[in-house]
Amino acid sequence: MSIRSRIVGCGSWLPERVMTNAELSTIVDTTDEWIVERTGIRQRHIAADGEYTSDIAYKAALDALKHAGAEVSDIDMIVLATTTPDQTFPSTATKVQAMLGMEKGAAFDVQAVCSGFIYALAVGDNFIRTGQAEKVLVIGAEIFSRILDWEDRGTCVLFGDGGAAVLLDRAIDDTSVILSTHLHSDGRYNDLLYVDGGPSTTGTVGNIRMSGKEVFRHAVVNLAAVADEALAANNLSRDDIDWLVPHQANLRILSGTARKLKLGEDRVVITVDRHANTSAASIPLALDVAVKDGRIKPGQLILMEAMGGGFTWGSALVRM
């Protein structure tokens, strides 16, 4: 059998502070009913003052290592997906590397916004496939609350903070394996979802700007297409999927994608109501919840998919 990878552990971390829709309605002109009806979100976690993306990523990494029964010394590489790094440089992954006490291998960030975890998973998977690494820690972590315009109810109600991680190891056989990953981007759609700042443009961090209706339209089409791409690549059908673990952007997008794929919502892992959109952290957060509560069982077929600013989008088909 050619070398492939598998997920051997999951972990997550959420900031302690919970911001409900009721609290948010005291900051911006909105209501709990308006947010729930349009997004399905009821609350989100918000990082504390002095709490950084590296802190969240580190705690998620420790949880994943514990779940896998692995030691820091086992890790060959860290791939961290984030749009909200601690600093412009060095990478947040290297900070996590230092916090873990990992003195070998390599650590670096991947930036693909909400698709970041799928991109990072593909990177880790391919390093194992080529024999350049044996165990790779893949993390998605974000503090989106610090790039929000809290006067823009079209965006500030959507996002939250959090992090999650998976540990990849070499697959022993086909019963637990990452079957394939599929990545796409189209830079022509930059202006539909972006942050209006950056080191080489404004010299500021900036805030999220989004054309919600256009993003929704592209998301449902692209996510369904990339899901079918993954199934076709492995000669599988939609009926073979045990669980869809999607990027938790918005309940309407989740429902629209599930309908397009003809999947019942009883086969979709949904955490957007509790976590809101945590960007690169949302898929591994949802995966961790469903693994830990027993819904996702060994041997089941899991389809993960996401779309983010850029546009970027992608999917991963995994036998757990």
Protein backbone atom coordinates (compact mmCIF):
# COMPACT_ATOMS: atom_id res chain seq x y z
CA MET A 1 0.00 0.00 0.00
CA SER A 2 1.28 3.47 -0.83
CA ILE A 3 1.85 5.80 2.12
CA ARG A 4 -1.27 7.67 3.21
CA SER A 5 -2.30 9.51 6.36
CA ARG A 6 -5.08 9.18 8.93
CA ILE A 7 -6.56 11.29 11.72
CA VAL A 8 -5.60 9.76 15.08
CA GLY A 9 -6.67 12.51 17.46
CA CYS A 10 -8.89 15.61 17.71
CA GLY A 11 -8.88 18.51 20.13
CA SER A 12 -10.31 21.98 20.60
CA TRP A 13 -10.34 25.07 22.77
CA LEU A 14 -12.88 27.89 23.09
CA PRO A 15 -12.39 31.15 24.99
CA GLU A 16 -14.31 31.27 28.25
CA ARG A 17 -16.35 34.37 27.46
CA VAL A 18 -19.64 33.70 25.68
CA MET A 19 -21.40 36.56 23.90
CA THR A 20 -25.10 35.88 23.34
CA ASN A 21 -27.23 37.56 20.70
CA ALA A 22 -28.94 39.48 23.49
CA GLU A 23 -25.64 41.01 24.55
CA LEU A 24 -24.73 41.74 20.94
CA SER A 25 -28.02 43.61 20.51
CA THR A 26 -26.79 46.14 23.08
CA ILE A 27 -23.76 46.90 20.88
CA VAL A 28 -25.29 47.03 17.38
CA ASP A 29 -28.78 47.52 15.96
CA THR A 30 -29.99 43.93 15.88
CA THR A 31 -32.07 41.40 17.80
CA ASP A 32 -31.76 37.76 18.78
CA GLU A 33 -34.67 36.92 16.48
CA TRP A 34 -33.08 38.70 13.48
CA ILE A 35 -29.74 36.89 13.94
CA VAL A 36 -31.25 33.44 14.51
CA GLU A 37 -33.61 33.74 11.54
CA ARG A 38 -30.86 34.76 9.11
CA THR A 39 -27.88 32.80 10.43
CA GLY A 40 -28.92 30.18 12.99
CA ILE A 41 -26.36 31.65 15.41
CA ARG A 42 -27.34 32.04 19.07
CA GLN A 43 -23.98 32.75 20.68
CA ARG A 44 -20.24 32.97 20.02
CA HIS A 45 -17.04 32.82 22.11
CA ILE A 46 -14.86 35.93 22.39
CA ALA A 47 -11.18 35.91 23.29
CA ALA A 48 -10.17 37.69 26.50
CA ASP A 49 -7.87 40.69 26.59
CA GLY A 50 -4.34 39.38 26.40
CA GLU A 51 -5.45 36.06 24.88
CA TYR A 52 -3.84 35.42 21.49
CA THR A 53 -4.39 33.06 18.57
CA SER A 54 -1.26 31.16 19.65
CA ASP A 55 -2.78 30.57 23.11
CA ILE A 56 -5.93 29.11 21.61
CA ALA A 57 -3.98 27.00 19.10
CA TYR A 58 -1.66 25.70 21.82
CA LYS A 59 -4.53 24.57 24.05
CA ALA A 60 -6.28 22.90 21.11
CA ALA A 61 -3.03 21.15 20.21
CA LEU A 62 -2.61 19.79 23.74
CA ASP A 63 -6.17 18.45 23.63
CA ALA A 64 -5.54 16.71 20.29
CA LEU A 65 -2.30 15.15 21.54
CA LYS A 66 -4.06 13.90 24.67
CA HIS A 67 -6.88 12.39 22.60
CA ALA A 68 -4.35 10.67 20.34
CA GLY A 69 -2.25 9.44 23.25
CA ALA A 70 0.78 11.10 21.65
CA GLU A 71 3.71 13.13 22.96
CA VAL A 72 5.12 16.41 21.67
CA SER A 73 8.31 14.54 20.79
CA ASP A 74 6.29 12.50 18.27
CA ILE A 75 5.43 15.55 16.11
CA ASP A 76 7.43 16.18 12.92
CA MET A 77 5.53 19.25 11.71
CA ILE A 78 2.91 21.85 12.66
CA VAL A 79 0.68 23.38 9.98
CA LEU A 80 -1.50 26.15 11.43
CA ALA A 81 -4.35 27.68 9.46
CA THR A 82 -5.21 31.21 10.57
CA THR A 83 -6.22 34.59 9.19
CA THR A 84 -5.62 36.29 12.53
CA PRO A 85 -1.96 35.60 13.42
CA ASP A 86 -0.35 36.99 16.55
CA GLN A 87 2.10 39.02 14.45
CA THR A 88 2.82 39.76 10.80
CA PHE A 89 5.85 37.55 11.38
CA PRO A 90 7.05 35.14 12.61
CA SER A 91 4.33 32.59 11.98
CA THR A 92 1.96 31.76 14.79
CA ALA A 93 2.83 28.11 14.22
CA THR A 94 6.40 28.73 15.38
CA LYS A 95 5.07 30.33 18.55
CA VAL A 96 2.95 27.23 19.19
CA GLN A 97 6.02 25.10 18.45
CA ALA A 98 7.93 26.94 21.18
CA MET A 99 5.01 26.76 23.63
CA LEU A 100 4.83 22.99 23.12
CA GLY A 101 8.58 22.60 23.61
CA MET A 102 8.95 21.04 20.15
CA GLU A 103 12.58 21.35 19.07
CA LYS A 104 12.61 19.41 15.80
CA GLY A 105 10.86 19.51 12.45
CA ALA A 106 9.09 22.53 10.98
CA ALA A 107 6.16 24.81 11.77
CA PHE A 108 4.41 27.30 9.49
CA ASP A 109 1.10 29.05 8.86
CA VAL A 110 -1.35 28.58 5.99
CA GLN A 111 -3.74 31.39 5.06
CA ALA A 112 -6.88 30.53 3.11
CA VAL A 113 -9.43 32.19 5.42
CA CYS A 114 -12.40 29.90 6.10
CA SER A 115 -10.96 27.17 3.85
CA GLY A 116 -7.73 27.29 5.84
CA PHE A 117 -8.19 24.01 7.68
CA ILE A 118 -8.85 22.08 4.47
CA TYR A 119 -5.73 23.65 2.92
CA ALA A 120 -3.66 22.85 6.03
CA LEU A 121 -5.00 19.29 6.11
CA ALA A 122 -4.01 18.85 2.46
CA VAL A 123 -0.49 20.11 3.22
CA GLY A 124 -0.08 17.75 6.18
CA ASP A 125 -1.54 14.83 4.26
CA ASN A 126 0.82 15.38 1.34
CA PHE A 127 3.91 15.68 3.55
CA ILE A 128 3.05 12.26 4.98
CA ARG A 129 2.26 10.80 1.55
CA THR A 130 5.68 11.86 0.23
CA GLY A 131 7.45 10.42 3.25
CA GLN A 132 8.75 13.79 4.47
CA ALA A 133 6.87 13.56 7.77
CA GLU A 134 5.28 10.84 9.85
CA LYS A 135 3.16 12.77 12.34
CA VAL A 136 1.75 16.23 11.55
CA LEU A 137 -0.25 18.47 13.87
CA VAL A 138 -2.84 20.41 11.84
CA ILE A 139 -4.48 23.35 13.63
CA GLY A 140 -7.15 25.90 12.79
CA ALA A 141 -7.30 28.87 15.18
CA GLU A 142 -8.80 32.36 14.94
CA ILE A 143 -9.59 35.50 16.89
CA PHE A 144 -11.94 37.09 14.38
CA SER A 145 -13.43 39.39 17.01
CA ARG A 146 -10.38 41.65 16.54
CA ILE A 147 -10.98 42.27 12.83
CA LEU A 148 -14.71 42.96 13.10
CA ASP A 149 -16.42 46.31 12.63
CA TRP A 150 -18.75 46.17 15.62
CA GLU A 151 -21.03 48.75 13.99
CA ASP A 152 -21.62 46.56 10.91
CA ARG A 153 -24.42 44.16 11.80
CA GLY A 154 -24.00 42.39 8.47
CA THR A 155 -20.66 40.96 9.63
CA CYS A 156 -20.17 41.35 13.38
CA VAL A 157 -23.05 38.97 14.20
CA LEU A 158 -21.51 36.16 12.16
CA PHE A 159 -18.12 35.47 13.69
CA GLY A 160 -16.57 34.06 16.84
CA ASP A 161 -13.21 32.96 18.22
CA GLY A 162 -11.83 29.47 18.82
CA GLY A 163 -9.41 26.78 17.77
CA ALA A 164 -9.18 23.07 17.08
CA ALA A 165 -6.58 20.59 15.94
CA VAL A 166 -6.09 17.10 14.54
CA LEU A 167 -3.03 14.87 14.68
CA LEU A 168 -2.19 13.05 11.46
CA ASP A 169 -0.20 9.82 11.41
CA ARG A 170 0.68 7.28 8.74
CA ALA A 171 -2.27 5.07 7.86
CA ILE A 172 -1.99 1.41 8.82
CA ASP A 173 -4.63 0.22 6.34
CA ASP A 174 -7.67 1.48 4.44
CA THR A 175 -10.03 1.35 7.45
CA SER A 176 -8.81 4.76 8.67
CA VAL A 177 -7.38 7.06 6.03
CA ILE A 178 -7.58 10.46 4.36
CA LEU A 179 -8.82 9.40 0.93
CA SER A 180 -8.28 12.71 -0.87
CA THR A 181 -8.25 16.50 -0.61
CA HIS A 182 -9.37 19.00 -3.26
CA LEU A 183 -8.40 22.68 -3.30
CA HIS A 184 -9.61 25.62 -5.42
CA SER A 185 -9.40 29.41 -5.54
CA ASP A 186 -10.55 32.25 -7.77
CA GLY A 187 -9.03 35.65 -7.02
CA ARG A 188 -11.51 37.52 -9.19
CA TYR A 189 -13.94 37.55 -6.26
CA ASN A 190 -11.68 39.41 -3.82
CA ASP A 191 -14.08 42.31 -3.37
CA LEU A 192 -16.99 40.12 -2.24
CA LEU A 193 -15.29 39.05 1.00
CA TYR A 194 -12.12 40.70 2.27
CA VAL A 195 -10.45 42.72 5.02
CA ASP A 196 -9.89 46.38 4.16
CA GLY A 197 -6.35 46.58 5.52
CA GLY A 198 -2.91 45.03 5.40
CA PRO A 199 0.81 45.74 5.92
CA SER A 200 1.57 46.69 2.29
CA THR A 201 -1.63 48.66 1.64
CA THR A 202 -2.98 50.62 4.59
CA GLY A 203 -0.47 49.62 7.24
CA THR A 204 -3.41 48.68 9.47
CA VAL A 205 -5.16 45.43 10.37
CA GLY A 206 -8.50 46.48 8.85
CA ASN A 207 -12.02 45.07 9.20
CA ILE A 208 -14.04 42.41 7.42
CA ARG A 209 -16.20 43.56 4.49
CA MET A 210 -18.67 41.24 2.82
CA SER A 211 -21.35 41.16 0.13
CA GLY A 212 -23.52 38.61 1.87
CA LYS A 213 -25.95 37.67 -0.91
CA GLU A 214 -23.18 37.10 -3.44
CA VAL A 215 -21.11 35.05 -1.02
CA PHE A 216 -24.14 32.89 -0.23
CA ARG A 217 -24.82 32.26 -3.94
CA HIS A 218 -21.25 31.21 -4.69
CA ALA A 219 -20.92 29.18 -1.50
CA VAL A 220 -23.83 26.82 -2.12
CA VAL A 221 -22.73 26.14 -5.72
CA ASN A 222 -19.01 25.76 -4.99
CA LEU A 223 -19.44 23.64 -1.87
CA ALA A 224 -21.76 21.16 -3.59
CA ALA A 225 -19.43 20.94 -6.59
CA VAL A 226 -16.29 20.32 -4.53
CA ALA A 227 -18.12 17.71 -2.46
CA ASP A 228 -19.11 15.82 -5.62
CA GLU A 229 -15.53 16.18 -6.89
CA ALA A 230 -14.22 14.35 -3.82
CA LEU A 231 -16.79 11.58 -4.17
CA ALA A 232 -16.10 11.11 -7.89
CA ALA A 233 -12.35 10.93 -7.27
CA ASN A 234 -12.93 7.96 -4.98
CA ASN A 235 -15.73 6.24 -6.94
CA LEU A 236 -18.19 6.91 -4.13
CA SER A 237 -21.72 8.33 -4.07
CA ARG A 238 -23.57 10.71 -1.81
CA ASP A 239 -25.26 7.70 -0.20
CA ASP A 240 -21.86 6.55 1.04
CA ILE A 241 -21.40 9.66 3.22
CA ASP A 242 -22.01 9.02 6.91
CA TRP A 243 -21.41 12.62 8.02
CA LEU A 244 -20.99 15.98 6.35
CA VAL A 245 -18.76 18.19 8.51
CA PRO A 246 -18.97 21.57 6.80
CA HIS A 247 -17.50 24.97 7.48
CA GLN A 248 -19.90 26.56 9.96
CA ALA A 249 -20.56 29.81 8.11
CA ASN A 250 -24.28 30.25 8.41
CA LEU A 251 -27.17 27.81 8.89
CA ARG A 252 -28.73 28.88 5.58
CA ILE A 253 -25.56 27.92 3.70
CA LEU A 254 -25.34 24.60 5.57
CA SER A 255 -28.98 23.81 4.79
CA GLY A 256 -28.64 24.91 1.16
CA THR A 257 -25.56 22.76 0.62
CA ALA A 258 -27.18 19.75 2.29
CA ARG A 259 -30.25 20.10 0.05
CA LYS A 260 -28.08 20.39 -3.06
CA LEU A 261 -26.24 17.22 -2.04
CA LYS A 262 -29.59 15.56 -1.12
CA LEU A 263 -28.37 14.88 2.41
CA GLY A 264 -30.71 15.02 5.37
CA GLU A 265 -29.70 17.42 8.12
CA ASP A 266 -29.49 14.39 10.43
CA ARG A 267 -26.23 13.61 8.59
CA VAL A 268 -24.80 17.13 8.94
CA VAL A 269 -22.72 18.17 11.98
CA ILE A 270 -23.95 21.63 12.97
CA THR A 271 -22.26 23.77 15.64
CA VAL A 272 -22.79 27.23 14.15
CA ASP A 273 -25.52 27.93 16.71
CA ARG A 274 -22.96 27.68 19.56
CA HIS A 275 -19.71 28.77 17.92
CA ALA A 276 -20.77 31.11 15.08
CA ASN A 277 -18.30 31.29 12.17
CA THR A 278 -14.80 30.62 13.52
CA SER A 279 -13.26 30.59 10.02
CA ALA A 280 -10.33 28.13 9.81
CA ALA A 281 -11.27 26.68 13.20
CA SER A 282 -14.86 25.81 12.35
CA ILE A 283 -14.43 22.43 10.65
CA PRO A 284 -12.04 20.93 13.22
CA LEU A 285 -14.23 22.36 16.03
CA ALA A 286 -17.29 20.62 14.59
CA LEU A 287 -15.29 17.44 13.99
CA ASP A 288 -14.04 17.40 17.58
CA VAL A 289 -17.56 17.88 18.95
CA ALA A 290 -18.98 15.02 16.87
CA VAL A 291 -16.09 12.65 17.61
CA LYS A 292 -16.19 13.34 21.34
CA ASP A 293 -19.99 13.01 21.65
CA GLY A 294 -19.88 9.68 19.81
CA ARG A 295 -21.76 10.60 16.65
CA ILE A 296 -18.72 10.03 14.45
CA LYS A 297 -17.50 6.46 14.83
CA PRO A 298 -14.39 4.62 13.59
CA GLY A 299 -14.71 3.51 9.98
CA GLN A 300 -17.34 6.07 9.02
CA LEU A 301 -16.95 8.20 5.88
CA ILE A 302 -16.67 11.92 6.61
CA LEU A 303 -16.89 14.69 4.02
CA MET A 304 -15.45 18.06 5.07
CA GLU A 305 -15.84 21.17 2.93
CA ALA A 306 -15.40 24.94 3.19
CA MET A 307 -15.38 28.21 1.27
CA GLY A 308 -13.71 31.46 2.27
CA GLY A 309 -12.53 34.84 1.07
CA GLY A 310 -10.38 34.88 -2.01
CA PHE A 311 -12.50 33.01 -3.00
CA THR A 312 -10.96 29.78 -1.75
CA TRP A 313 -12.80 26.51 -1.36
CA GLY A 314 -12.02 22.86 -0.88
CA SER A 315 -13.02 19.45 0.42
CA ALA A 316 -11.54 16.43 2.15
CA LEU A 317 -12.90 12.89 2.21
CA VAL A 318 -11.83 10.96 5.30
CA ARG A 319 -12.43 7.45 6.58
CA MET A 320 -12.25 7.90 10.38
